[in-house]
N, C-alpha and C. Protein backbone atom coordinates (compact mmCIF):
# COMPACT_ATOMS: atom_id res chain seq x y z
N MET A 1 -28.78 18.03 -3.68
CA MET A 1 -28.04 16.96 -3.06
C MET A 1 -27.52 17.42 -1.71
N LYS A 2 -27.79 16.64 -0.72
CA LYS A 2 -27.30 16.92 0.62
C LYS A 2 -25.96 16.19 0.80
N LYS A 3 -24.98 16.89 1.33
CA LYS A 3 -23.66 16.29 1.52
C LYS A 3 -23.76 15.11 2.50
N ASN A 4 -23.08 14.02 2.16
CA ASN A 4 -23.07 12.87 3.06
C ASN A 4 -21.67 12.25 3.19
N MET A 5 -20.64 13.03 2.82
CA MET A 5 -19.26 12.55 2.94
C MET A 5 -18.43 13.53 3.75
N GLY A 6 -17.69 13.00 4.71
CA GLY A 6 -16.80 13.82 5.52
C GLY A 6 -15.45 14.01 4.83
N ASN A 7 -14.62 14.86 5.42
CA ASN A 7 -13.32 15.18 4.82
C ASN A 7 -12.39 13.97 4.75
N ALA A 8 -12.37 13.16 5.80
CA ALA A 8 -11.49 11.99 5.80
C ALA A 8 -11.88 11.03 4.67
N ASP A 9 -13.16 10.83 4.49
CA ASP A 9 -13.65 9.96 3.43
C ASP A 9 -13.27 10.51 2.05
N ARG A 10 -13.39 11.81 1.88
CA ARG A 10 -13.05 12.44 0.60
C ARG A 10 -11.56 12.30 0.30
N ILE A 11 -10.72 12.50 1.30
CA ILE A 11 -9.27 12.41 1.12
C ILE A 11 -8.87 10.98 0.76
N ILE A 12 -9.45 10.01 1.44
CA ILE A 12 -9.15 8.60 1.16
C ILE A 12 -9.53 8.24 -0.27
N ARG A 13 -10.69 8.74 -0.73
CA ARG A 13 -11.12 8.45 -2.10
C ARG A 13 -10.18 9.07 -3.14
N VAL A 14 -9.73 10.28 -2.90
CA VAL A 14 -8.82 10.92 -3.86
C VAL A 14 -7.48 10.18 -3.88
N LEU A 15 -7.00 9.77 -2.72
CA LEU A 15 -5.74 9.02 -2.67
C LEU A 15 -5.86 7.68 -3.40
N LEU A 16 -6.98 6.99 -3.19
CA LEU A 16 -7.20 5.73 -3.90
C LEU A 16 -7.27 5.94 -5.41
N ALA A 17 -7.92 7.01 -5.83
CA ALA A 17 -8.00 7.32 -7.25
C ALA A 17 -6.61 7.57 -7.82
N ALA A 18 -5.76 8.26 -7.07
CA ALA A 18 -4.39 8.51 -7.52
C ALA A 18 -3.60 7.21 -7.64
N VAL A 19 -3.79 6.30 -6.70
CA VAL A 19 -3.12 5.00 -6.76
C VAL A 19 -3.60 4.21 -7.97
N PHE A 20 -4.91 4.20 -8.20
CA PHE A 20 -5.46 3.49 -9.35
C PHE A 20 -4.90 4.05 -10.65
N ALA A 21 -4.84 5.38 -10.75
CA ALA A 21 -4.31 6.01 -11.96
C ALA A 21 -2.84 5.65 -12.15
N TYR A 22 -2.07 5.67 -11.08
CA TYR A 22 -0.65 5.32 -11.17
C TYR A 22 -0.48 3.88 -11.64
N LEU A 23 -1.25 2.97 -11.06
CA LEU A 23 -1.14 1.57 -11.44
C LEU A 23 -1.47 1.35 -12.91
N TYR A 24 -2.47 2.07 -13.40
CA TYR A 24 -2.86 1.91 -14.80
C TYR A 24 -1.85 2.55 -15.74
N PHE A 25 -1.48 3.79 -15.49
CA PHE A 25 -0.61 4.51 -16.42
C PHE A 25 0.85 4.07 -16.34
N SER A 26 1.24 3.39 -15.26
CA SER A 26 2.60 2.85 -15.21
C SER A 26 2.67 1.47 -15.86
N GLY A 27 1.53 0.92 -16.21
CA GLY A 27 1.51 -0.38 -16.87
C GLY A 27 1.49 -1.56 -15.92
N THR A 28 1.36 -1.29 -14.63
CA THR A 28 1.32 -2.38 -13.66
C THR A 28 0.03 -3.19 -13.79
N VAL A 29 -1.08 -2.50 -13.97
CA VAL A 29 -2.37 -3.16 -14.17
C VAL A 29 -2.87 -2.76 -15.55
N THR A 30 -3.15 -3.76 -16.38
CA THR A 30 -3.57 -3.48 -17.75
C THR A 30 -4.86 -4.24 -18.07
N GLY A 31 -5.34 -4.04 -19.25
CA GLY A 31 -6.51 -4.76 -19.71
C GLY A 31 -7.80 -4.28 -19.06
N THR A 32 -8.73 -5.20 -18.94
CA THR A 32 -10.05 -4.88 -18.41
C THR A 32 -9.97 -4.40 -16.96
N LEU A 33 -9.16 -5.04 -16.15
CA LEU A 33 -9.03 -4.64 -14.75
C LEU A 33 -8.49 -3.22 -14.65
N GLY A 34 -7.55 -2.87 -15.50
CA GLY A 34 -7.01 -1.52 -15.50
C GLY A 34 -8.06 -0.48 -15.85
N ILE A 35 -8.87 -0.77 -16.85
CA ILE A 35 -9.92 0.16 -17.24
C ILE A 35 -10.96 0.31 -16.13
N ILE A 36 -11.30 -0.79 -15.49
CA ILE A 36 -12.25 -0.74 -14.38
C ILE A 36 -11.70 0.12 -13.25
N LEU A 37 -10.41 -0.02 -12.94
CA LEU A 37 -9.81 0.79 -11.88
C LEU A 37 -9.81 2.28 -12.24
N VAL A 38 -9.55 2.61 -13.49
CA VAL A 38 -9.56 4.02 -13.91
C VAL A 38 -10.97 4.59 -13.80
N ILE A 39 -11.97 3.83 -14.22
CA ILE A 39 -13.36 4.30 -14.10
C ILE A 39 -13.75 4.46 -12.64
N LEU A 40 -13.39 3.50 -11.81
CA LEU A 40 -13.68 3.59 -10.38
C LEU A 40 -12.98 4.79 -9.76
N GLY A 41 -11.74 5.04 -10.16
CA GLY A 41 -11.02 6.21 -9.68
C GLY A 41 -11.69 7.51 -10.09
N ALA A 42 -12.20 7.56 -11.31
CA ALA A 42 -12.92 8.76 -11.77
C ALA A 42 -14.19 8.98 -10.96
N VAL A 43 -14.89 7.90 -10.65
CA VAL A 43 -16.10 8.02 -9.81
C VAL A 43 -15.72 8.51 -8.42
N PHE A 44 -14.63 7.99 -7.87
CA PHE A 44 -14.16 8.43 -6.55
C PHE A 44 -13.85 9.92 -6.55
N VAL A 45 -13.17 10.41 -7.57
CA VAL A 45 -12.83 11.84 -7.64
C VAL A 45 -14.09 12.67 -7.78
N LEU A 46 -15.00 12.25 -8.63
CA LEU A 46 -16.24 13.00 -8.84
C LEU A 46 -17.06 13.08 -7.55
N THR A 47 -17.23 11.95 -6.87
CA THR A 47 -18.01 11.97 -5.63
C THR A 47 -17.31 12.77 -4.54
N SER A 48 -15.99 12.79 -4.56
CA SER A 48 -15.26 13.59 -3.57
C SER A 48 -15.43 15.08 -3.83
N LEU A 49 -15.46 15.46 -5.09
CA LEU A 49 -15.62 16.88 -5.41
C LEU A 49 -17.00 17.42 -5.01
N VAL A 50 -18.02 16.60 -5.15
CA VAL A 50 -19.38 17.07 -4.81
C VAL A 50 -19.79 16.68 -3.39
N SER A 51 -18.97 15.93 -2.69
CA SER A 51 -19.22 15.48 -1.30
C SER A 51 -20.52 14.70 -1.17
N PHE A 52 -20.87 13.98 -2.20
CA PHE A 52 -22.10 13.20 -2.17
C PHE A 52 -21.87 11.85 -2.83
N CYS A 53 -22.26 10.78 -2.14
CA CYS A 53 -22.15 9.43 -2.67
C CYS A 53 -23.54 8.81 -2.71
N PRO A 54 -24.06 8.52 -3.91
CA PRO A 54 -25.39 7.93 -4.01
C PRO A 54 -25.51 6.58 -3.30
N LEU A 55 -24.43 5.82 -3.28
CA LEU A 55 -24.46 4.52 -2.59
C LEU A 55 -24.66 4.70 -1.09
N TYR A 56 -24.07 5.74 -0.51
CA TYR A 56 -24.27 6.03 0.91
C TYR A 56 -25.74 6.29 1.21
N THR A 57 -26.44 6.95 0.29
CA THR A 57 -27.85 7.23 0.48
C THR A 57 -28.65 5.94 0.50
N LEU A 58 -28.30 5.01 -0.38
CA LEU A 58 -29.02 3.74 -0.46
C LEU A 58 -28.88 2.91 0.81
N VAL A 59 -27.68 2.94 1.42
CA VAL A 59 -27.45 2.14 2.62
C VAL A 59 -27.63 2.93 3.91
N GLY A 60 -27.94 4.22 3.79
CA GLY A 60 -28.19 5.04 4.97
C GLY A 60 -26.95 5.47 5.72
N LEU A 61 -25.83 5.60 5.04
CA LEU A 61 -24.57 5.98 5.66
C LEU A 61 -24.33 7.47 5.48
N ASN A 62 -23.76 8.12 6.51
CA ASN A 62 -23.45 9.53 6.44
C ASN A 62 -22.17 9.78 7.24
N THR A 63 -21.08 10.13 6.58
CA THR A 63 -19.82 10.40 7.27
C THR A 63 -19.56 11.88 7.45
N CYS A 64 -20.51 12.71 7.03
CA CYS A 64 -20.37 14.15 7.17
C CYS A 64 -20.65 14.54 8.63
N PRO A 65 -19.76 15.36 9.22
CA PRO A 65 -20.01 15.77 10.61
C PRO A 65 -21.27 16.63 10.72
N LYS A 66 -21.93 16.49 11.84
CA LYS A 66 -23.15 17.27 12.07
C LYS A 66 -22.83 18.73 12.31
N LYS A 67 -23.63 19.62 11.72
CA LYS A 67 -23.44 21.05 11.92
C LYS A 67 -24.12 21.46 13.21
N GLN A 68 -23.45 22.34 13.95
CA GLN A 68 -24.01 22.77 15.23
C GLN A 68 -24.43 24.21 15.18
């Protein structure tokens, strides 16, 4: 897997995952929507850890800075 996510993108995803987790575990968002947010947050954390997003590959997006 070739990295296609930059640091800013990774940080934003981890922060969003933290917000989703807070909303679910505090009881603000419950039910099906809450479970969807937790799963989406887990995907965000996983893709941030490996610096690769399969969806970016499909649409041809790359936020990783070019190496010189």
